[in-house]
PDB file of all heavy atoms in Angstrom:
ATOM      1  N   ILE A   1     -11.914   1.426 -10.568  1.00  0.00           N
ATOM      2  CA  ILE A   1     -11.095   0.778  -9.544  1.00  0.00           C
ATOM      3  C   ILE A   1     -11.138   1.563  -8.230  1.00  0.00           C
ATOM      4  O   ILE A   1     -11.395   0.998  -7.158  1.00  0.00           O
ATOM      5  CB  ILE A   1      -9.635   0.617 -10.026  1.00  0.00           C
ATOM      6  CG1 ILE A   1      -9.562  -0.426 -11.144  1.00  0.00           C
ATOM      7  CG2 ILE A   1      -8.715   0.211  -8.869  1.00  0.00           C
ATOM      8  CD1 ILE A   1      -8.222  -0.492 -11.853  1.00  0.00           C
ATOM      9  N   TYR A   2     -10.901   2.877  -8.307  1.00  0.00           N
ATOM     10  CA  TYR A   2     -10.863   3.685  -7.082  1.00  0.00           C
ATOM     11  C   TYR A   2     -12.236   3.816  -6.434  1.00  0.00           C
ATOM     12  O   TYR A   2     -12.342   3.945  -5.214  1.00  0.00           O
ATOM     13  CB  TYR A   2     -10.260   5.065  -7.369  1.00  0.00           C
ATOM     14  CG  TYR A   2      -8.757   5.017  -7.462  1.00  0.00           C
ATOM     15  CD1 TYR A   2      -8.109   5.135  -8.692  1.00  0.00           C
ATOM     16  CD2 TYR A   2      -7.965   4.812  -6.330  1.00  0.00           C
ATOM     17  CE1 TYR A   2      -6.715   5.059  -8.789  1.00  0.00           C
ATOM     18  CE2 TYR A   2      -6.587   4.733  -6.416  1.00  0.00           C
ATOM     19  CZ  TYR A   2      -5.969   4.861  -7.642  1.00  0.00           C
ATOM     20  OH  TYR A   2      -4.600   4.770  -7.729  1.00  0.00           O
ATOM     21  N   SER A   3     -13.282   3.746  -7.238  1.00  0.00           N
ATOM     22  CA  SER A   3     -14.632   3.802  -6.705  1.00  0.00           C
ATOM     23  C   SER A   3     -14.906   2.596  -5.809  1.00  0.00           C
ATOM     24  O   SER A   3     -15.394   2.736  -4.674  1.00  0.00           O
ATOM     25  CB  SER A   3     -15.647   3.841  -7.850  1.00  0.00           C
ATOM     26  OG  SER A   3     -16.951   3.708  -7.363  1.00  0.00           O
ATOM     27  N   TYR A   4     -14.577   1.401  -6.316  1.00  0.00           N
ATOM     28  CA  TYR A   4     -14.815   0.184  -5.530  1.00  0.00           C
ATOM     29  C   TYR A   4     -13.803   0.027  -4.404  1.00  0.00           C
ATOM     30  O   TYR A   4     -14.125  -0.523  -3.343  1.00  0.00           O
ATOM     31  CB  TYR A   4     -14.814  -1.052  -6.437  1.00  0.00           C
ATOM     32  CG  TYR A   4     -16.089  -1.157  -7.235  1.00  0.00           C
ATOM     33  CD1 TYR A   4     -16.116  -0.879  -8.603  1.00  0.00           C
ATOM     34  CD2 TYR A   4     -17.291  -1.511  -6.613  1.00  0.00           C
ATOM     35  CE1 TYR A   4     -17.290  -0.944  -9.323  1.00  0.00           C
ATOM     36  CE2 TYR A   4     -18.469  -1.581  -7.334  1.00  0.00           C
ATOM     37  CZ  TYR A   4     -18.466  -1.296  -8.685  1.00  0.00           C
ATOM     38  OH  TYR A   4     -19.637  -1.362  -9.395  1.00  0.00           O
ATOM     39  N   PHE A   5     -12.599   0.539  -4.592  1.00  0.00           N
ATOM     40  CA  PHE A   5     -11.616   0.511  -3.502  1.00  0.00           C
ATOM     41  C   PHE A   5     -12.079   1.399  -2.346  1.00  0.00           C
ATOM     42  O   PHE A   5     -11.987   1.005  -1.178  1.00  0.00           O
ATOM     43  CB  PHE A   5     -10.248   0.970  -4.003  1.00  0.00           C
ATOM     44  CG  PHE A   5      -9.239   1.150  -2.904  1.00  0.00           C
ATOM     45  CD1 PHE A   5      -8.785   0.070  -2.174  1.00  0.00           C
ATOM     46  CD2 PHE A   5      -8.765   2.429  -2.584  1.00  0.00           C
ATOM     47  CE1 PHE A   5      -7.857   0.242  -1.138  1.00  0.00           C
ATOM     48  CE2 PHE A   5      -7.848   2.604  -1.560  1.00  0.00           C
ATOM     49  CZ  PHE A   5      -7.400   1.507  -0.832  1.00  0.00           C
ATOM     50  N   SER A   6     -12.588   2.577  -2.664  1.00  0.00           N
ATOM     51  CA  SER A   6     -13.108   3.487  -1.632  1.00  0.00           C
ATOM     52  C   SER A   6     -14.288   2.848  -0.904  1.00  0.00           C
ATOM     53  O   SER A   6     -14.424   2.985   0.319  1.00  0.00           O
ATOM     54  CB  SER A   6     -13.554   4.812  -2.262  1.00  0.00           C
ATOM     55  OG  SER A   6     -12.452   5.471  -2.848  1.00  0.00           O
ATOM     56  N   GLU A   7     -15.108   2.142  -1.662  1.00  0.00           N
ATOM     57  CA  GLU A   7     -16.245   1.428  -1.064  1.00  0.00           C
ATOM     58  C   GLU A   7     -15.740   0.343  -0.114  1.00  0.00           C
ATOM     59  O   GLU A   7     -16.325   0.103   0.950  1.00  0.00           O
ATOM     60  CB  GLU A   7     -17.093   0.806  -2.175  1.00  0.00           C
ATOM     61  CG  GLU A   7     -18.445   0.296  -1.725  1.00  0.00           C
ATOM     62  CD  GLU A   7     -19.279  -0.244  -2.873  1.00  0.00           C
ATOM     63  OE1 GLU A   7     -19.383   0.445  -3.906  1.00  0.00           O
ATOM     64  OE2 GLU A   7     -19.814  -1.365  -2.731  1.00  0.00           O
ATOM     65  N   TYR A   8     -14.645  -0.326  -0.509  1.00  0.00           N
ATOM     66  CA  TYR A   8     -14.037  -1.364   0.342  1.00  0.00           C
ATOM     67  C   TYR A   8     -13.546  -0.745   1.648  1.00  0.00           C
ATOM     68  O   TYR A   8     -13.764  -1.310   2.734  1.00  0.00           O
ATOM     69  CB  TYR A   8     -12.868  -2.031  -0.390  1.00  0.00           C
ATOM     70  CG  TYR A   8     -12.130  -3.041   0.458  1.00  0.00           C
ATOM     71  CD1 TYR A   8     -12.514  -4.383   0.470  1.00  0.00           C
ATOM     72  CD2 TYR A   8     -11.049  -2.660   1.261  1.00  0.00           C
ATOM     73  CE1 TYR A   8     -11.854  -5.311   1.260  1.00  0.00           C
ATOM     74  CE2 TYR A   8     -10.394  -3.578   2.050  1.00  0.00           C
ATOM     75  CZ  TYR A   8     -10.793  -4.908   2.049  1.00  0.00           C
ATOM     76  OH  TYR A   8     -10.149  -5.814   2.848  1.00  0.00           O
ATOM     77  N   GLU A   9     -12.872   0.397   1.560  1.00  0.00           N
ATOM     78  CA  GLU A   9     -12.368   1.068   2.753  1.00  0.00           C
ATOM     79  C   GLU A   9     -13.510   1.435   3.706  1.00  0.00           C
ATOM     80  O   GLU A   9     -13.412   1.232   4.920  1.00  0.00           O
ATOM     81  CB  GLU A   9     -11.581   2.330   2.377  1.00  0.00           C
ATOM     82  CG  GLU A   9     -10.203   2.052   1.809  1.00  0.00           C
ATOM     83  CD  GLU A   9      -9.368   3.308   1.668  1.00  0.00           C
ATOM     84  OE1 GLU A   9      -9.883   4.285   1.059  1.00  0.00           O
ATOM     85  OE2 GLU A   9      -8.227   3.337   2.164  1.00  0.00           O
ATOM     86  N   ARG A  10     -14.585   1.983   3.135  1.00  0.00           N
ATOM     87  CA  ARG A  10     -15.734   2.371   3.961  1.00  0.00           C
ATOM     88  C   ARG A  10     -16.388   1.148   4.619  1.00  0.00           C
ATOM     89  O   ARG A  10     -16.699   1.161   5.811  1.00  0.00           O
ATOM     90  CB  ARG A  10     -16.772   3.115   3.122  1.00  0.00           C
ATOM     91  CG  ARG A  10     -16.351   4.515   2.698  1.00  0.00           C
ATOM     92  CD  ARG A  10     -17.526   5.298   2.149  1.00  0.00           C
ATOM     93  NE  ARG A  10     -18.101   4.665   0.968  1.00  0.00           N
ATOM     94  CZ  ARG A  10     -17.697   4.893  -0.263  1.00  0.00           C
ATOM     95  NH1 ARG A  10     -16.693   5.731  -0.496  1.00  0.00           N
ATOM     96  NH2 ARG A  10     -18.284   4.290  -1.291  1.00  0.00           N
ATOM     97  N   SER A  11     -16.556   0.084   3.838  1.00  0.00           N
ATOM     98  CA  SER A  11     -17.213  -1.123   4.346  1.00  0.00           C
ATOM     99  C   SER A  11     -16.409  -1.802   5.444  1.00  0.00           C
ATOM    100  O   SER A  11     -16.974  -2.383   6.378  1.00  0.00           O
ATOM    101  CB  SER A  11     -17.437  -2.124   3.198  1.00  0.00           C
ATOM    102  OG  SER A  11     -18.245  -1.570   2.200  1.00  0.00           O
ATOM    103  N   ASN A  12     -15.083  -1.741   5.311  1.00  0.00           N
ATOM    104  CA  ASN A  12     -14.213  -2.425   6.275  1.00  0.00           C
ATOM    105  C   ASN A  12     -13.601  -1.468   7.304  1.00  0.00           C
ATOM    106  O   ASN A  12     -12.759  -1.877   8.105  1.00  0.00           O
ATOM    107  CB  ASN A  12     -13.106  -3.177   5.529  1.00  0.00           C
ATOM    108  CG  ASN A  12     -13.648  -4.324   4.699  1.00  0.00           C
ATOM    109  OD1 ASN A  12     -13.842  -5.416   5.201  1.00  0.00           O
ATOM    110  ND2 ASN A  12     -13.918  -4.070   3.425  1.00  0.00           N
ATOM    111  N   LYS A  13     -14.004  -0.200   7.236  1.00  0.00           N
ATOM    112  CA  LYS A  13     -13.549   0.818   8.185  1.00  0.00           C
ATOM    113  C   LYS A  13     -12.023   0.869   8.290  1.00  0.00           C
ATOM    114  O   LYS A  13     -11.437   0.808   9.364  1.00  0.00           O
ATOM    115  CB  LYS A  13     -14.166   0.571   9.568  1.00  0.00           C
ATOM    116  CG  LYS A  13     -15.682   0.698   9.554  1.00  0.00           C
ATOM    117  CD  LYS A  13     -16.283   0.417  10.915  1.00  0.00           C
ATOM    118  CE  LYS A  13     -17.815   0.548  10.860  1.00  0.00           C
ATOM    119  NZ  LYS A  13     -18.444   0.233  12.157  1.00  0.00           N
ATOM    120  N   VAL A  14     -11.404   0.960   7.111  1.00  0.00           N
ATOM    121  CA  VAL A  14      -9.937   1.084   7.041  1.00  0.00           C
ATOM    122  C   VAL A  14      -9.604   2.306   6.186  1.00  0.00           C
ATOM    123  O   VAL A  14     -10.421   2.767   5.401  1.00  0.00           O
ATOM    124  CB  VAL A  14      -9.273  -0.174   6.444  1.00  0.00           C
ATOM    125  CG1 VAL A  14      -9.405  -1.352   7.386  1.00  0.00           C
ATOM    126  CG2 VAL A  14      -9.863  -0.506   5.070  1.00  0.00           C
ATOM    127  N   ASN A  15      -8.394   2.784   6.355  1.00  0.00           N
ATOM    128  CA  ASN A  15      -7.950   3.941   5.572  1.00  0.00           C
ATOM    129  C   ASN A  15      -6.463   3.781   5.273  1.00  0.00           C
ATOM    130  O   ASN A  15      -5.611   4.063   6.109  1.00  0.00           O
ATOM    131  CB  ASN A  15      -8.208   5.231   6.353  1.00  0.00           C
ATOM    132  CG  ASN A  15      -7.904   6.463   5.525  1.00  0.00           C
ATOM    133  OD1 ASN A  15      -7.863   6.415   4.296  1.00  0.00           O
ATOM    134  ND2 ASN A  15      -7.651   7.573   6.201  1.00  0.00           N
ATOM    135  N   TYR A  16      -6.166   3.298   4.076  1.00  0.00           N
ATOM    136  CA  TYR A  16      -4.788   3.026   3.705  1.00  0.00           C
ATOM    137  C   TYR A  16      -4.090   4.259   3.130  1.00  0.00           C
ATOM    138  O   TYR A  16      -4.724   5.146   2.584  1.00  0.00           O
ATOM    139  CB  TYR A  16      -4.731   1.917   2.647  1.00  0.00           C
ATOM    140  CG  TYR A  16      -5.158   0.562   3.133  1.00  0.00           C
ATOM    141  CD1 TYR A  16      -6.395   0.033   2.761  1.00  0.00           C
ATOM    142  CD2 TYR A  16      -4.335  -0.201   3.953  1.00  0.00           C
ATOM    143  CE1 TYR A  16      -6.800  -1.221   3.193  1.00  0.00           C
ATOM    144  CE2 TYR A  16      -4.733  -1.452   4.399  1.00  0.00           C
ATOM    145  CZ  TYR A  16      -5.967  -1.961   4.014  1.00  0.00           C
ATOM    146  OH  TYR A  16      -6.363  -3.191   4.449  1.00  0.00           O
ATOM    147  N   GLU A  17      -2.764   4.248   3.262  1.00  0.00           N
ATOM    148  CA  GLU A  17      -1.953   5.292   2.625  1.00  0.00           C
ATOM    149  C   GLU A  17      -1.335   4.689   1.373  1.00  0.00           C
ATOM    150  O   GLU A  17      -0.697   3.632   1.425  1.00  0.00           O
ATOM    151  CB  GLU A  17      -0.850   5.772   3.575  1.00  0.00           C
ATOM    152  CG  GLU A  17       0.025   6.860   2.972  1.00  0.00           C
ATOM    153  CD  GLU A  17       1.216   7.219   3.855  1.00  0.00           C
ATOM    154  OE1 GLU A  17       1.212   6.857   5.046  1.00  0.00           O
ATOM    155  OE2 GLU A  17       2.164   7.831   3.331  1.00  0.00           O
ATOM    156  N   PHE A  18      -1.514   5.334   0.239  1.00  0.00           N
ATOM    157  CA  PHE A  18      -1.028   4.823  -1.036  1.00  0.00           C
ATOM    158  C   PHE A  18       0.481   5.018  -1.164  1.00  0.00           C
ATOM    159  O   PHE A  18       0.995   6.101  -0.887  1.00  0.00           O
ATOM    160  CB  PHE A  18      -1.759   5.534  -2.179  1.00  0.00           C
ATOM    161  CG  PHE A  18      -1.292   5.132  -3.558  1.00  0.00           C
ATOM    162  CD1 PHE A  18      -1.157   3.794  -3.903  1.00  0.00           C
ATOM    163  CD2 PHE A  18      -1.001   6.092  -4.504  1.00  0.00           C
ATOM    164  CE1 PHE A  18      -0.726   3.427  -5.179  1.00  0.00           C
ATOM    165  CE2 PHE A  18      -0.586   5.747  -5.779  1.00  0.00           C
ATOM    166  CZ  PHE A  18      -0.448   4.404  -6.114  1.00  0.00           C
ATOM    167  N   THR A  19       1.187   3.966  -1.596  1.00  0.00           N
ATOM    168  CA  THR A  19       2.647   4.039  -1.764  1.00  0.00           C
ATOM    169  C   THR A  19       2.995   4.641  -3.122  1.00  0.00           C
ATOM    170  O   THR A  19       3.598   3.994  -3.975  1.00  0.00           O
ATOM    171  CB  THR A  19       3.302   2.643  -1.664  1.00  0.00           C
ATOM    172  OG1 THR A  19       2.696   1.799  -2.643  1.00  0.00           O
ATOM    173  CG2 THR A  19       3.144   2.042  -0.297  1.00  0.00           C
ATOM    174  N   ALA A  20       2.585   5.869  -3.317  1.00  0.00           N
ATOM    175  CA  ALA A  20       2.877   6.536  -4.596  1.00  0.00           C
ATOM    176  C   ALA A  20       4.365   6.834  -4.726  1.00  0.00           C
ATOM    177  O   ALA A  20       4.891   6.994  -5.818  1.00  0.00           O
ATOM    178  CB  ALA A  20       2.069   7.829  -4.696  1.00  0.00           C
ATOM    179  N   ASN A  21       5.055   6.886  -3.602  1.00  0.00           N
ATOM    180  CA  ASN A  21       6.486   7.183  -3.587  1.00  0.00           C
ATOM    181  C   ASN A  21       7.277   5.926  -3.950  1.00  0.00           C
ATOM    182  O   ASN A  21       7.323   4.955  -3.192  1.00  0.00           O
ATOM    183  CB  ASN A  21       6.883   7.677  -2.179  1.00  0.00           C
ATOM    184  CG  ASN A  21       8.296   8.208  -2.142  1.00  0.00           C
ATOM    185  OD1 ASN A  21       9.191   7.690  -2.809  1.00  0.00           O
ATOM    186  ND2 ASN A  21       8.501   9.246  -1.352  1.00  0.00           N
ATOM    187  N   GLU A  22       7.895   5.928  -5.139  1.00  0.00           N
ATOM    188  CA  GLU A  22       8.658   4.760  -5.595  1.00  0.00           C
ATOM    189  C   GLU A  22       9.855   4.475  -4.690  1.00  0.00           C
ATOM    190  O   GLU A  22      10.232   3.316  -4.505  1.00  0.00           O
ATOM    191  CB  GLU A  22       9.136   4.978  -7.029  1.00  0.00           C
ATOM    192  CG  GLU A  22       8.012   4.972  -8.048  1.00  0.00           C
ATOM    193  CD  GLU A  22       8.522   5.131  -9.471  1.00  0.00           C
ATOM    194  OE1 GLU A  22       9.759   5.072  -9.667  1.00  0.00           O
ATOM    195  OE2 GLU A  22       7.699   5.329 -10.378  1.00  0.00           O
ATOM    196  N   HIS A  23      10.438   5.531  -4.126  1.00  0.00           N
ATOM    197  CA  HIS A  23      11.590   5.363  -3.236  1.00  0.00           C
ATOM    198  C   HIS A  23      11.190   4.566  -1.994  1.00  0.00           C
ATOM    199  O   HIS A  23      11.935   3.695  -1.535  1.00  0.00           O
ATOM    200  CB  HIS A  23      12.137   6.740  -2.842  1.00  0.00           C
ATOM    201  CG  HIS A  23      13.355   6.682  -1.973  1.00  0.00           C
ATOM    202  ND1 HIS A  23      14.571   6.197  -2.425  1.00  0.00           N
ATOM    203  CD2 HIS A  23      13.544   7.019  -0.666  1.00  0.00           C
ATOM    204  CE1 HIS A  23      15.465   6.249  -1.446  1.00  0.00           C
ATOM    205  NE2 HIS A  23      14.861   6.741  -0.371  1.00  0.00           N
ATOM    206  N   LYS A  24      10.010   4.855  -1.486  1.00  0.00           N
ATOM    207  CA  LYS A  24       9.508   4.157  -0.298  1.00  0.00           C
ATOM    208  C   LYS A  24       9.294   2.676  -0.605  1.00  0.00           C
ATOM    209  O   LYS A  24       9.668   1.795   0.180  1.00  0.00           O
ATOM    210  CB  LYS A  24       8.197   4.790   0.169  1.00  0.00           C
ATOM    211  CG  LYS A  24       7.646   4.213   1.474  1.00  0.00           C
ATOM    212  CD  LYS A  24       6.281   4.813   1.810  1.00  0.00           C
ATOM    213  CE  LYS A  24       6.397   6.277   2.183  1.00  0.00           C
ATOM    214  NZ  LYS A  24       5.083   6.839   2.625  1.00  0.00           N
ATOM    215  N   GLN A  25       8.700   2.404  -1.769  1.00  0.00           N
ATOM    216  CA  GLN A  25       8.462   1.016  -2.169  1.00  0.00           C
ATOM    217  C   GLN A  25       9.787   0.270  -2.354  1.00  0.00           C
ATOM    218  O   GLN A  25       9.934  -0.872  -1.910  1.00  0.00           O
ATOM    219  CB  GLN A  25       7.658   0.968  -3.464  1.00  0.00           C
ATOM    220  CG  GLN A  25       7.287  -0.456  -3.890  1.00  0.00           C
ATOM    221  CD  GLN A  25       6.606  -0.505  -5.242  1.00  0.00           C
ATOM    222  OE1 GLN A  25       6.886   0.316  -6.114  1.00  0.00           O
ATOM    223  NE2 GLN A  25       5.710  -1.457  -5.439  1.00  0.00           N
ATOM    224  N   SER A  26      10.757   0.919  -2.985  1.00  0.00           N
ATOM    225  CA  SER A  26      12.066   0.292  -3.207  1.00  0.00           C
ATOM    226  C   SER A  26      12.754  -0.050  -1.889  1.00  0.00           C
ATOM    227  O   SER A  26      13.370  -1.115  -1.755  1.00  0.00           O
ATOM    228  CB  SER A  26      12.961   1.223  -4.024  1.00  0.00           C
ATOM    229  OG  SER A  26      12.439   1.424  -5.316  1.00  0.00           O
ATOM    230  N   ASN A  27      12.643   0.838  -0.915  1.00  0.00           N
ATOM    231  CA  ASN A  27      13.250   0.589   0.398  1.00  0.00           C
ATOM    232  C   ASN A  27      12.649  -0.637   1.072  1.00  0.00           C
ATOM    233  O   ASN A  27      13.363  -1.452   1.670  1.00  0.00           O
ATOM    234  CB  ASN A  27      13.071   1.809   1.312  1.00  0.00           C
ATOM    235  CG  ASN A  27      14.024   2.935   0.951  1.00  0.00           C
ATOM    236  OD1 ASN A  27      15.034   2.715   0.277  1.00  0.00           O
ATOM    237  ND2 ASN A  27      13.709   4.154   1.388  1.00  0.00           N
ATOM    238  N   ILE A  28      11.329  -0.788   0.948  1.00  0.00           N
ATOM    239  CA  ILE A  28      10.653  -1.940   1.550  1.00  0.00           C
ATOM    240  C   ILE A  28      11.090  -3.227   0.872  1.00  0.00           C
ATOM    241  O   ILE A  28      11.389  -4.226   1.531  1.00  0.00           O
ATOM    242  CB  ILE A  28       9.111  -1.780   1.471  1.00  0.00           C
ATOM    243  CG1 ILE A  28       8.658  -0.582   2.310  1.00  0.00           C
ATOM    244  CG2 ILE A  28       8.411  -3.055   1.957  1.00  0.00           C
ATOM    245  CD1 ILE A  28       7.200  -0.220   2.147  1.00  0.00           C
ATOM    246  N   VAL A  29      11.161  -3.208  -0.469  1.00  0.00           N
ATOM    247  CA  VAL A  29      11.585  -4.397  -1.215  1.00  0.00           C
ATOM    248  C   VAL A  29      13.041  -4.734  -0.895  1.00  0.00           C
ATOM    249  O   VAL A  29      13.387  -5.913  -0.728  1.00  0.00           O
ATOM    250  CB  VAL A  29      11.407  -4.198  -2.737  1.00  0.00           C
ATOM    251  CG1 VAL A  29      11.948  -5.401  -3.511  1.00  0.00           C
ATOM    252  CG2 VAL A  29       9.940  -3.988  -3.082  1.00  0.00           C
ATOM    253  N   ASN A  30      13.890  -3.728  -0.776  1.00  0.00           N
ATOM    254  CA  ASN A  30      15.301  -3.956  -0.413  1.00  0.00           C
ATOM    255  C   ASN A  30      15.421  -4.679   0.919  1.00  0.00           C
ATOM    256  O   ASN A  30      16.195  -5.631   1.068  1.00  0.00           O
ATOM    257  CB  ASN A  30      16.051  -2.622  -0.332  1.00  0.00           C
ATOM    258  CG  ASN A  30      16.565  -2.159  -1.689  1.00  0.00           C
ATOM    259  OD1 ASN A  30      16.732  -2.961  -2.595  1.00  0.00           O
ATOM    260  ND2 ASN A  30      16.805  -0.868  -1.831  1.00  0.00           N
ATOM    261  N   GLU A  31      14.651  -4.229   1.896  1.00  0.00           N
ATOM    262  CA  GLU A  31      14.655  -4.859   3.226  1.00  0.00           C
ATOM    263  C   GLU A  31      14.226  -6.325   3.133  1.00  0.00           C
ATOM    264  O   GLU A  31      14.797  -7.192   3.808  1.00  0.00           O
ATOM    265  CB  GLU A  31      13.719  -4.106   4.166  1.00  0.00           C
ATOM    266  CG  GLU A  31      14.214  -2.714   4.547  1.00  0.00           C
ATOM    267  CD  GLU A  31      13.170  -1.913   5.315  1.00  0.00           C
ATOM    268  OE1 GLU A  31      12.138  -2.519   5.719  1.00  0.00           O
ATOM    269  OE2 GLU A  31      13.361  -0.702   5.489  1.00  0.00           O
ATOM    270  N   CYS A  32      13.242  -6.584   2.294  1.00  0.00           N
ATOM    271  CA  CYS A  32      12.749  -7.958   2.124  1.00  0.00           C
ATOM    272  C   CYS A  32      13.810  -8.851   1.487  1.00  0.00           C
ATOM    273  O   CYS A  32      13.992 -10.004   1.900  1.00  0.00           O
ATOM    274  CB  CYS A  32      11.483  -7.957   1.261  1.00  0.00           C
ATOM    275  SG  CYS A  32      10.070  -7.131   2.005  1.00  0.00           S
ATOM    276  N   ILE A  33      14.512  -8.329   0.485  1.00  0.00           N
ATOM    277  CA  ILE A  33      15.571  -9.099  -0.187  1.00  0.00           C
ATOM    278  C   ILE A  33      16.648  -9.497   0.813  1.00  0.00           C
ATOM    279  O   ILE A  33      17.087 -10.656   0.859  1.00  0.00           O
ATOM    280  CB  ILE A  33      16.190  -8.293  -1.350  1.00  0.00           C
ATOM    281  CG1 ILE A  33      15.160  -8.056  -2.457  1.00  0.00           C
ATOM    282  CG2 ILE A  33      17.414  -9.024  -1.925  1.00  0.00           C
ATOM    283  CD1 ILE A  33      15.609  -7.057  -3.522  1.00  0.00           C
ATOM    284  N   VAL A  34      17.061  -8.535   1.622  1.00  0.00           N
ATOM    285  CA  VAL A  34      18.115  -8.782   2.620  1.00  0.00           C
ATOM    286  C   VAL A  34      17.679  -9.862   3.615  1.00  0.00           C
ATOM    287  O   VAL A  34      18.464 -10.764   3.960  1.00  0.00           O
ATOM    288  CB  VAL A  34      18.472  -7.474   3.368  1.00  0.00           C
ATOM    289  CG1 VAL A  34      19.417  -7.769   4.542  1.00  0.00           C
ATOM    290  CG2 VAL A  34      19.116  -6.477   2.408  1.00  0.00           C
ATOM    291  N   GLN A  35      16.431  -9.803   4.065  1.00  0.00           N
ATOM    292  CA  GLN A  35      15.935 -10.774   5.045  1.00  0.00           C
ATOM    293  C   GLN A  35      15.787 -12.167   4.440  1.00  0.00           C
ATOM    294  O   GLN A  35      16.172 -13.168   5.061  1.00  0.00           O
ATOM    295  CB  GLN A  35      14.594 -10.316   5.609  1.00  0.00           C
ATOM    296  CG  GLN A  35      14.715  -9.100   6.525  1.00  0.00           C
ATOM    297  CD  GLN A  35      13.388  -8.751   7.178  1.00  0.00           C
ATOM    298  OE1 GLN A  35      12.742  -9.586   7.803  1.00  0.00           O
ATOM    299  NE2 GLN A  35      12.964  -7.502   7.031  1.00  0.00           N
ATOM    300  N   ILE A  36      15.246 -12.248   3.227  1.00  0.00           N
ATOM    301  CA  ILE A  36      15.037 -13.557   2.594  1.00  0.00           C
ATOM    302  C   ILE A  36      16.363 -14.183   2.169  1.00  0.00           C
ATOM    303  O   ILE A  36      16.511 -15.408   2.141  1.00  0.00           O
ATOM    304  CB  ILE A  36      14.081 -13.425   1.381  1.00  0.00           C
ATOM    305  CG1 ILE A  36      12.712 -12.910   1.832  1.00  0.00           C
ATOM    306  CG2 ILE A  36      13.926 -14.759   0.656  1.00  0.00           C
ATOM    307  CD1 ILE A  36      12.020 -13.748   2.895  1.00  0.00           C
TER     308      ILE A  36
END
């Protein structure tokens, strides 16, 4: 998975930051719940 994902990043000239932090992900989902 990471091999082809890295290939995708190189091909599309992007560099994403992985949301390994569960707290960060929860905060984003909380904001979405409030808005929806």
